[in-house]
């Protein structure tokens, strides 16, 4: 098993944009120093608790300040970008990364973002735009000119050479392109079926483990369409994690601090508006009103001493049938930086060595 990081990025609404950006950069430097494998940075436009509209700005800076960790958007919201422009920008970013870039894509799920960009998410237009945009981007990177794509949402031409020397020439450093990751939320997730179908990296967001177990079925269903054999080693699992020296300290620093505040003020109410609280329940008969911060911490979060956290990760691993990379869900602890750094350190240095027997290539503990 490997470790990575998934940042929305999350910051409280009173936090300045640069102040939050600087915290994210600090954490990315720590992750690199500690030997984490990868980090994914989200994009949002109308969520004060998720205030980064341009993950590539953070990624570009972080690549200059780190040496080994792979970093990428997690992901670009494809309905809001012209595919040809984004294809060129991501290709350039791949060169700046010297081949350390991951390319996460997403369809966007916030109605307030849909409204800003005039996208009809209720009808699934965001998903249709995402599929078409990704098709164009991959074509830009892999199919030589000349061609013209006339789609439902975009018309894009990759022209032949003009005036002897003007021609499309920008493509990624990694061949044929950076690894592509997609995140899934719902049961029978279409995006995770797409991951299986196209061989992309599947990422399951931070939901109840019993619910997430169904996500691998979606990956396998998609893979069956194209005759692929997906590997559980590629499956990323996003979880809320806080490790401290004792269970009591970890509980206080998580539920009683920024993790609890963000969940209580933003994430749980948001999921409630969408009718998504079922995704967090250990069983369907739990009332929505019972899905509190403390309930999530007990049932879904990985919080505790190194011994407790080791046990919880192994339990989740067995429940879902095995996965390859645990992605720590990022929170803003710039008011207690040493506590967040210590949690990341304990997870890597104390917990991970005790999980080496978990081999996702066979699906269960070896």
Protein backbone atom coordinates (compact mmCIF):
# COMPACT_ATOMS: atom_id res chain seq x y z
CA UNK A 1 0.00 0.00 0.00
CA UNK A 2 1.11 3.55 -0.73
CA UNK A 3 0.07 6.91 0.72
CA UNK A 4 -1.08 10.08 -0.98
CA UNK A 5 -3.08 13.24 -0.29
CA UNK A 6 -6.34 14.67 -1.59
CA UNK A 7 -6.89 18.40 -1.02
CA UNK A 8 -10.16 20.08 -1.97
CA UNK A 9 -8.29 22.33 -0.86
CA UNK A 10 -10.31 23.01 2.29
CA UNK A 11 -10.04 26.27 4.23
CA UNK A 12 -12.46 28.09 6.55
CA UNK A 13 -14.28 31.01 4.87
CA UNK A 14 -12.45 33.62 6.95
CA UNK A 15 -9.09 32.43 5.61
CA UNK A 16 -7.45 34.67 2.99
CA UNK A 17 -6.93 33.09 -0.43
CA UNK A 18 -3.14 33.48 -0.36
CA UNK A 19 -3.01 32.38 3.29
CA UNK A 20 -4.77 29.14 2.37
CA UNK A 21 -2.63 28.66 -0.73
CA UNK A 22 0.53 29.05 1.36
CA UNK A 23 -0.69 26.41 3.84
CA UNK A 24 -1.34 23.99 0.99
CA UNK A 25 2.18 24.60 -0.33
CA UNK A 26 3.62 23.91 3.12
CA UNK A 27 1.74 20.62 3.38
CA UNK A 28 2.89 19.57 -0.11
CA UNK A 29 6.51 20.21 0.92
CA UNK A 30 5.98 18.06 4.03
CA UNK A 31 4.41 15.27 1.99
CA UNK A 32 7.42 15.25 -0.33
CA UNK A 33 9.87 15.18 2.58
CA UNK A 34 7.94 12.34 4.25
CA UNK A 35 7.89 10.23 1.09
CA UNK A 36 4.21 10.34 0.16
CA UNK A 37 3.60 9.08 -3.37
CA UNK A 38 1.18 11.68 -4.75
CA UNK A 39 -1.14 14.62 -4.12
CA UNK A 40 -4.33 15.70 -5.90
CA UNK A 41 -5.68 19.29 -5.80
CA UNK A 42 -9.37 20.09 -6.41
CA UNK A 43 -11.04 22.89 -8.38
CA UNK A 44 -14.14 24.81 -7.21
CA UNK A 45 -15.51 28.25 -8.06
CA UNK A 46 -18.37 29.04 -5.67
CA UNK A 47 -17.59 27.19 -2.42
CA UNK A 48 -16.01 29.39 0.28
CA UNK A 49 -14.93 26.22 2.15
CA UNK A 50 -13.21 24.93 -1.05
CA UNK A 51 -11.73 28.14 -2.38
CA UNK A 52 -9.31 27.21 -5.19
CA UNK A 53 -10.51 27.90 -8.76
CA UNK A 54 -7.22 27.03 -10.47
CA UNK A 55 -5.41 23.94 -9.14
CA UNK A 56 -2.68 24.23 -11.77
CA UNK A 57 -1.39 27.42 -10.10
CA UNK A 58 -0.83 25.50 -6.85
CA UNK A 59 0.51 22.47 -8.73
CA UNK A 60 3.03 24.57 -10.70
CA UNK A 61 4.38 26.23 -7.55
CA UNK A 62 4.48 22.96 -5.62
CA UNK A 63 6.42 21.21 -8.38
CA UNK A 64 9.16 23.84 -7.98
CA UNK A 65 9.32 23.27 -4.21
CA UNK A 66 9.30 19.45 -4.20
CA UNK A 67 11.52 16.73 -5.62
CA UNK A 68 9.77 13.37 -5.84
CA UNK A 69 6.03 13.52 -5.12
CA UNK A 70 3.65 13.28 -8.08
CA UNK A 71 1.14 16.16 -8.08
CA UNK A 72 -1.89 16.93 -10.19
CA UNK A 73 -5.32 18.51 -10.30
CA UNK A 74 -7.92 16.26 -8.71
CA UNK A 75 -9.45 17.31 -10.92
CA UNK A 76 -9.93 19.95 -13.53
CA UNK A 77 -13.66 20.54 -13.97
CA UNK A 78 -13.82 19.86 -17.69
CA UNK A 79 -17.15 21.62 -18.48
CA UNK A 80 -15.54 24.95 -17.56
CA UNK A 81 -12.46 24.75 -19.81
CA UNK A 82 -11.99 24.86 -23.56
CA UNK A 83 -10.55 21.41 -24.33
CA UNK A 84 -7.87 22.58 -26.79
CA UNK A 85 -6.59 25.25 -24.39
CA UNK A 86 -6.57 22.82 -21.46
CA UNK A 87 -4.80 20.14 -23.52
CA UNK A 88 -1.98 22.58 -24.27
CA UNK A 89 -1.83 23.93 -20.70
CA UNK A 90 -1.70 20.46 -19.12
CA UNK A 91 0.93 19.34 -21.64
CA UNK A 92 3.07 22.36 -20.72
CA UNK A 93 2.57 21.64 -17.02
CA UNK A 94 3.73 18.07 -17.61
CA UNK A 95 7.02 19.41 -19.02
CA UNK A 96 7.41 21.77 -16.04
CA UNK A 97 6.85 18.77 -13.76
CA UNK A 98 9.55 16.79 -15.55
CA UNK A 99 7.09 13.92 -15.80
CA UNK A 100 5.70 14.13 -12.22
CA UNK A 101 2.23 15.30 -13.25
CA UNK A 102 -1.01 13.39 -12.73
CA UNK A 103 -4.07 14.64 -14.62
CA UNK A 104 -7.30 14.39 -12.64
CA UNK A 105 -10.60 15.21 -14.32
CA UNK A 106 -14.12 15.72 -12.93
CA UNK A 107 -17.58 16.71 -14.12
CA UNK A 108 -18.38 19.26 -11.35
CA UNK A 109 -21.16 18.61 -8.85
CA UNK A 110 -21.94 22.01 -7.31
CA UNK A 111 -25.16 23.65 -8.60
CA UNK A 112 -23.67 27.06 -7.81
CA UNK A 113 -20.75 26.30 -10.17
CA UNK A 114 -23.21 25.10 -12.83
CA UNK A 115 -25.09 28.40 -12.49
CA UNK A 116 -21.93 30.50 -12.84
CA UNK A 117 -20.96 28.76 -16.08
CA UNK A 118 -24.51 28.19 -17.39
CA UNK A 119 -24.20 24.40 -17.35
CA UNK A 120 -27.37 22.33 -16.87
CA UNK A 121 -26.09 19.83 -14.33
CA UNK A 122 -29.57 18.61 -13.43
CA UNK A 123 -29.96 17.07 -16.90
CA UNK A 124 -26.45 15.58 -16.85
CA UNK A 125 -25.03 18.12 -19.28
CA UNK A 126 -21.92 18.42 -17.10
CA UNK A 127 -21.20 14.70 -17.57
CA UNK A 128 -21.76 14.87 -21.33
CA UNK A 129 -19.42 17.88 -21.57
CA UNK A 130 -16.79 16.06 -19.51
CA UNK A 131 -16.83 13.03 -21.79
CA UNK A 132 -16.60 15.16 -24.92
CA UNK A 133 -13.85 17.41 -23.50
CA UNK A 134 -11.76 14.41 -22.47
CA UNK A 135 -12.18 12.86 -25.93
CA UNK A 136 -10.89 16.07 -27.53
CA UNK A 137 -7.97 16.44 -25.11
CA UNK A 138 -6.79 12.86 -25.70
CA UNK A 139 -7.16 13.37 -29.46
CA UNK A 140 -5.09 16.56 -29.24
CA UNK A 141 -2.30 14.62 -27.54
CA UNK A 142 -2.33 11.43 -29.59
CA UNK A 143 -3.70 12.04 -33.11
CA UNK A 144 -1.54 13.94 -35.62
CA UNK A 145 -3.05 16.85 -37.55
CA UNK A 146 -5.10 17.60 -39.51
CA UNK A 147 -8.52 16.84 -38.06
CA UNK A 148 -11.70 18.64 -36.97
CA UNK A 149 -13.95 17.54 -34.12
CA UNK A 150 -17.52 18.79 -34.45
CA UNK A 151 -19.23 17.87 -31.21
CA UNK A 152 -22.30 18.82 -29.25
CA UNK A 153 -20.46 21.41 -27.16
CA UNK A 154 -17.20 22.23 -28.94
CA UNK A 155 -15.80 22.43 -32.45
CA UNK A 156 -12.04 21.99 -32.37
CA UNK A 157 -9.59 21.82 -35.26
CA UNK A 158 -6.03 20.55 -35.14
CA UNK A 159 -4.75 22.25 -38.28
CA UNK A 160 -2.12 21.09 -40.72
CA UNK A 161 1.07 23.13 -41.09
CA UNK A 162 0.35 26.70 -42.21
CA UNK A 163 2.76 29.18 -43.80
CA UNK A 164 5.49 26.53 -43.76
CA UNK A 165 6.13 26.63 -39.98
CA UNK A 166 2.94 27.30 -37.97
CA UNK A 167 1.58 24.04 -36.59
CA UNK A 168 0.30 22.31 -33.43
CA UNK A 169 3.40 21.14 -31.57
CA UNK A 170 2.62 20.95 -27.85
CA UNK A 171 2.18 17.49 -26.36
CA UNK A 172 2.93 16.06 -22.89
CA UNK A 173 6.35 14.84 -21.81
CA UNK A 174 4.85 11.57 -20.52
CA UNK A 175 3.85 9.34 -23.41
CA UNK A 176 1.16 9.16 -24.51
CA UNK A 177 -0.04 11.43 -21.68
CA UNK A 178 0.09 11.84 -17.86
CA UNK A 179 -1.82 9.25 -15.81
CA UNK A 180 -5.50 10.24 -15.73
CA UNK A 181 -7.51 10.00 -12.51
CA UNK A 182 -11.28 10.23 -12.02
CA UNK A 183 -13.19 10.44 -8.75
CA UNK A 184 -16.46 8.60 -8.05
CA UNK A 185 -19.14 9.28 -5.47
CA UNK A 186 -22.43 7.55 -6.26
CA UNK A 187 -23.26 3.87 -6.32
CA UNK A 188 -22.83 2.40 -9.83
CA UNK A 189 -20.77 5.52 -10.57
CA UNK A 190 -20.56 6.38 -14.29
CA UNK A 191 -17.18 8.03 -13.80
CA UNK A 192 -15.74 4.90 -12.21
CA UNK A 193 -17.16 2.81 -15.07
CA UNK A 194 -15.31 5.20 -17.40
CA UNK A 195 -12.13 4.64 -15.36
CA UNK A 196 -12.44 0.89 -15.87
CA UNK A 197 -13.30 1.27 -19.54
CA UNK A 198 -10.37 3.55 -20.36
CA UNK A 199 -7.77 2.33 -17.87
CA UNK A 200 -7.85 5.54 -15.81
CA UNK A 201 -7.01 5.75 -12.09
CA UNK A 202 -10.22 5.26 -10.02
CA UNK A 203 -10.59 7.34 -6.86
CA UNK A 204 -13.35 6.69 -4.30
CA UNK A 205 -14.31 9.71 -2.23
CA UNK A 206 -14.63 9.68 1.56
CA UNK A 207 -17.81 7.70 2.18
CA UNK A 208 -18.83 4.77 4.35
CA UNK A 209 -16.55 1.81 3.54
CA UNK A 210 -19.50 -0.59 3.13
CA UNK A 211 -20.87 1.75 0.46
CA UNK A 212 -17.52 2.25 -1.27
CA UNK A 213 -17.16 -1.50 -1.73
CA UNK A 214 -19.63 -1.25 -4.63
CA UNK A 215 -17.31 1.16 -6.45
CA UNK A 216 -14.96 -1.57 -7.58
CA UNK A 217 -17.92 -3.31 -9.23
CA UNK A 218 -18.34 -0.18 -11.38
CA UNK A 219 -14.65 -0.23 -12.36
CA UNK A 220 -14.88 -3.88 -13.33
CA UNK A 221 -18.12 -3.35 -15.27
CA UNK A 222 -16.46 -0.60 -17.31
CA UNK A 223 -13.32 -2.67 -17.86
CA UNK A 224 -15.38 -5.60 -19.14
CA UNK A 225 -16.64 -3.42 -22.01
CA UNK A 226 -13.14 -3.01 -23.42
CA UNK A 227 -11.63 -6.30 -22.31
CA UNK A 228 -9.34 -4.71 -19.71
CA UNK A 229 -8.26 -6.33 -16.45
CA UNK A 230 -8.26 -3.58 -13.81
CA UNK A 231 -5.83 -3.82 -10.89
CA UNK A 232 -6.86 -2.97 -7.35
CA UNK A 233 -3.36 -1.53 -6.91
CA UNK A 234 -4.57 1.44 -9.00
CA UNK A 235 -7.61 2.07 -6.79
CA UNK A 236 -7.30 5.17 -4.59
CA UNK A 237 -9.34 5.49 -1.40
CA UNK A 238 -9.88 9.00 0.03
CA UNK A 239 -10.35 8.98 3.82
CA UNK A 240 -10.35 11.45 6.72
CA UNK A 241 -7.29 10.52 8.75
CA UNK A 242 -5.86 11.92 11.98
CA UNK A 243 -3.10 10.13 13.88
CA UNK A 244 -1.82 11.25 17.27
CA UNK A 245 0.09 9.62 20.11
CA UNK A 246 -3.14 8.54 21.84
CA UNK A 247 -6.73 7.87 20.78
CA UNK A 248 -7.96 10.66 23.08
CA UNK A 249 -5.63 13.24 21.57
CA UNK A 250 -6.52 12.21 18.00
CA UNK A 251 -10.25 12.44 18.77
CA UNK A 252 -9.84 15.92 20.28
CA UNK A 253 -7.71 17.18 17.38
CA UNK A 254 -10.11 15.81 14.74
CA UNK A 255 -13.73 16.05 15.90
CA UNK A 256 -12.95 18.93 18.27
CA UNK A 257 -10.93 20.95 15.76
CA UNK A 258 -10.86 21.86 12.06
CA UNK A 259 -11.92 18.44 10.75
CA UNK A 260 -15.02 18.57 12.91
CA UNK A 261 -15.69 22.22 12.12
CA UNK A 262 -15.49 21.76 8.35
CA UNK A 263 -17.68 18.66 8.45
CA UNK A 264 -20.25 20.27 10.77
CA UNK A 265 -20.44 23.68 9.10
CA UNK A 266 -20.05 22.66 5.46
CA UNK A 267 -19.72 19.07 4.31
CA UNK A 268 -22.57 17.40 6.21
CA UNK A 269 -25.08 20.21 5.48
CA UNK A 270 -24.01 20.13 1.81
CA UNK A 271 -24.54 16.37 1.52
CA UNK A 272 -27.87 16.83 3.31
CA UNK A 273 -29.05 19.32 0.66
CA UNK A 274 -28.21 16.79 -2.05
CA UNK A 275 -29.82 13.88 -0.21
CA UNK A 276 -26.40 12.21 -0.03
CA UNK A 277 -26.24 11.46 3.71
CA UNK A 278 -27.08 7.83 2.89
CA UNK A 279 -23.53 7.56 1.51
CA UNK A 280 -22.20 8.06 5.05
CA UNK A 281 -24.45 5.60 6.90
CA UNK A 282 -23.25 2.28 8.23
CA UNK A 283 -26.79 0.93 7.64
CA UNK A 284 -29.82 2.33 5.76
CA UNK A 285 -32.04 2.54 8.85
CA UNK A 286 -29.88 5.27 10.42
CA UNK A 287 -31.78 8.59 10.52
CA UNK A 288 -30.28 11.56 8.66
CA UNK A 289 -30.32 13.51 11.94
CA UNK A 290 -28.03 10.90 13.49
CA UNK A 291 -25.35 11.44 10.84
CA UNK A 292 -23.30 13.91 12.89
CA UNK A 293 -19.61 14.73 13.01
CA UNK A 294 -19.18 12.24 15.85
CA UNK A 295 -21.09 9.56 13.94
CA UNK A 296 -18.81 10.01 10.90
CA UNK A 297 -15.73 10.01 13.11
CA UNK A 298 -16.77 6.70 14.70
CA UNK A 299 -17.95 4.97 11.52
CA UNK A 300 -16.02 6.47 8.60
CA UNK A 301 -12.96 8.37 9.75
CA UNK A 302 -9.59 6.81 10.52
CA UNK A 303 -8.72 8.53 13.78
CA UNK A 304 -6.60 7.38 16.69
CA UNK A 305 -3.17 6.27 17.86
CA UNK A 306 -0.87 4.51 15.36
CA UNK A 307 -2.09 1.11 16.64
CA UNK A 308 -5.77 2.07 16.32
CA UNK A 309 -5.29 3.61 12.87
CA UNK A 310 -3.42 0.53 11.65
CA UNK A 311 -6.31 -1.64 12.76
CA UNK A 312 -8.93 0.63 11.14
CA UNK A 313 -7.13 0.78 7.79
CA UNK A 314 -6.76 -3.00 7.70
CA UNK A 315 -10.48 -3.38 8.49
CA UNK A 316 -11.49 -1.02 5.66
CA UNK A 317 -9.08 -2.78 3.32
CA UNK A 318 -10.72 -6.12 4.03
CA UNK A 319 -14.25 -4.67 3.79
CA UNK A 320 -13.75 -3.26 0.29
CA UNK A 321 -11.63 -6.15 -0.98
CA UNK A 322 -8.31 -4.33 -1.26
CA UNK A 323 -6.98 -1.05 -2.68
CA UNK A 324 -3.57 0.31 -3.60
CA UNK A 325 -3.27 3.90 -2.32
CA UNK A 326 -4.77 5.60 0.74
CA UNK A 327 -5.32 9.30 0.06
CA UNK A 328 -5.44 11.46 3.20
CA UNK A 329 -8.22 14.05 2.97
CA UNK A 330 -6.67 17.48 3.52
CA UNK A 331 -7.73 19.97 6.19
CA UNK A 332 -6.54 23.41 7.28
CA UNK A 333 -4.47 23.08 10.46
CA UNK A 334 -2.27 26.13 9.99
CA UNK A 335 -3.25 27.15 13.54
CA UNK A 336 -1.75 23.82 14.77
CA UNK A 337 0.78 22.93 12.06
CA UNK A 338 2.83 20.62 14.27
CA UNK A 339 -0.24 18.44 14.97
CA UNK A 340 -1.03 17.98 11.25
CA UNK A 341 2.62 17.33 10.39
CA UNK A 342 2.84 14.80 13.23
CA UNK A 343 -0.28 13.03 11.95
CA UNK A 344 1.17 12.75 8.44
CA UNK A 345 4.50 11.58 9.89
CA UNK A 346 2.99 8.93 12.16
CA UNK A 347 0.88 7.58 9.30
CA UNK A 348 3.93 7.19 7.09
CA UNK A 349 6.53 6.09 9.64
CA UNK A 350 4.51 4.18 12.27
CA UNK A 351 1.39 2.91 10.51
CA UNK A 352 2.40 2.14 6.92
CA UNK A 353 5.21 -0.31 7.81
CA UNK A 354 2.61 -2.42 9.67
CA UNK A 355 0.46 -2.63 6.53
CA UNK A 356 3.09 -3.96 4.14
CA UNK A 357 1.45 -7.40 4.17
CA UNK A 358 -1.60 -5.99 2.38
CA UNK A 359 -1.18 -6.81 -1.31
CA UNK A 360 -3.84 -5.25 -3.51
CA UNK A 361 -2.70 -7.24 -6.52
CA UNK A 362 -4.43 -10.28 -5.01
CA UNK A 363 -7.30 -8.31 -3.51
CA UNK A 364 -6.90 -9.53 0.06
CA UNK A 365 -4.17 -9.69 2.64
CA UNK A 366 -1.31 -11.82 1.35
